[in-house]
Amino acid sequence: MIQEFFIRRNSTVPYLRMELINDGRYDFHRSMLFNNAIQDATITFSMWDAETGILKVSNEPAEIVEANSEGCEEKYIIQYR
């Protein structure tokens, strides 16, 4: 999935964050399997300039952090700095 974003000029080392959400299309069991699978996953980040097509970042490591959740369900955020 491609997502467009903008970085503020002269910003140094911003965090790019994406929250994983449960959209309600999957049952609880499948959701738990997914949560268990991402805990041991290797997540990478790639980025290219849409205007020039030049690759700027290639397969750099990203990290998974647990989001603050008010409910009992675990939620995660993928972030790249």
Protein backbone atom coordinates (compact mmCIF):
# COMPACT_ATOMS: atom_id res chain seq x y z
CA MET A 1 0.00 0.00 0.00
CA ILE A 2 1.39 3.39 -0.97
CA GLN A 3 0.67 6.35 1.25
CA GLU A 4 1.61 9.91 0.40
CA PHE A 5 3.01 12.15 3.13
CA PHE A 6 4.93 15.37 3.46
CA ILE A 7 7.89 16.24 5.68
CA ARG A 8 8.25 19.79 6.98
CA ARG A 9 11.18 21.64 5.45
CA ASN A 10 14.31 21.62 7.66
CA SER A 11 12.81 18.92 9.87
CA THR A 12 15.52 16.68 11.29
CA VAL A 13 14.82 13.00 11.81
CA PRO A 14 11.00 12.98 11.77
CA TYR A 15 9.03 9.88 12.71
CA LEU A 16 6.84 8.37 10.01
CA ARG A 17 4.09 6.41 11.75
CA MET A 18 1.34 4.04 10.61
CA GLU A 19 -1.16 2.51 12.98
CA LEU A 20 -2.35 -1.04 12.39
CA ILE A 21 -6.10 -1.22 12.85
CA ASN A 22 -8.64 -4.00 13.10
CA ASP A 23 -11.29 -3.11 10.55
CA GLY A 24 -13.88 -5.58 11.84
CA ARG A 25 -13.71 -7.86 8.82
CA TYR A 26 -11.75 -10.53 10.66
CA ASP A 27 -12.68 -12.53 13.69
CA PHE A 28 -10.89 -12.43 17.03
CA HIS A 29 -8.86 -15.61 16.36
CA ARG A 30 -7.40 -14.26 13.09
CA SER A 31 -6.65 -10.95 14.80
CA MET A 32 -4.68 -12.75 17.53
CA LEU A 33 -2.71 -14.72 14.91
CA PHE A 34 -1.82 -11.46 13.16
CA ASN A 35 -0.72 -9.81 16.42
CA ASN A 36 1.48 -12.81 17.25
CA ALA A 37 2.97 -12.88 13.74
CA ILE A 38 4.04 -9.22 13.71
CA GLN A 39 5.87 -9.53 17.03
CA ASP A 40 8.63 -11.56 15.33
CA ALA A 41 8.38 -9.87 11.93
CA THR A 42 11.06 -7.85 10.20
CA ILE A 43 9.53 -4.58 9.00
CA THR A 44 11.34 -2.43 6.44
CA PHE A 45 10.68 0.98 4.92
CA SER A 46 11.35 2.17 1.37
CA MET A 47 10.69 5.61 -0.10
CA TRP A 48 11.16 7.22 -3.50
CA ASP A 49 10.60 10.66 -4.92
CA ALA A 50 7.27 10.54 -6.77
CA GLU A 51 8.32 13.29 -9.19
CA THR A 52 11.69 11.86 -10.22
CA GLY A 53 11.22 8.18 -9.39
CA ILE A 54 14.58 8.18 -7.58
CA LEU A 55 14.80 5.79 -4.63
CA LYS A 56 15.64 7.74 -1.47
CA VAL A 57 15.40 5.00 1.19
CA SER A 58 15.64 1.28 0.46
CA ASN A 59 14.59 -1.47 2.88
CA GLU A 60 15.71 0.35 6.01
CA PRO A 61 14.60 -1.20 9.30
CA ALA A 62 11.40 0.10 10.86
CA GLU A 63 10.10 -0.79 14.29
CA ILE A 64 6.85 -1.95 15.81
CA VAL A 65 5.78 -0.23 19.02
CA GLU A 66 2.72 -0.92 21.11
CA ALA A 67 0.21 1.92 20.98
CA ASN A 68 -1.43 3.23 24.12
CA SER A 69 -4.79 1.50 24.14
CA GLU A 70 -7.70 2.12 26.46
CA GLY A 71 -9.26 -1.27 25.76
CA CYS A 72 -7.98 -4.78 26.37
CA GLU A 73 -6.99 -5.30 22.73
CA GLU A 74 -3.32 -4.77 21.84
CA LYS A 75 -2.67 -2.17 19.14
CA TYR A 76 0.57 -1.51 17.31
CA ILE A 77 2.23 1.31 15.40
CA ILE A 78 4.89 0.81 12.74
CA GLN A 79 7.36 3.67 12.75
CA TYR A 80 10.44 4.67 10.81
CA ARG A 81 12.77 7.46 11.87
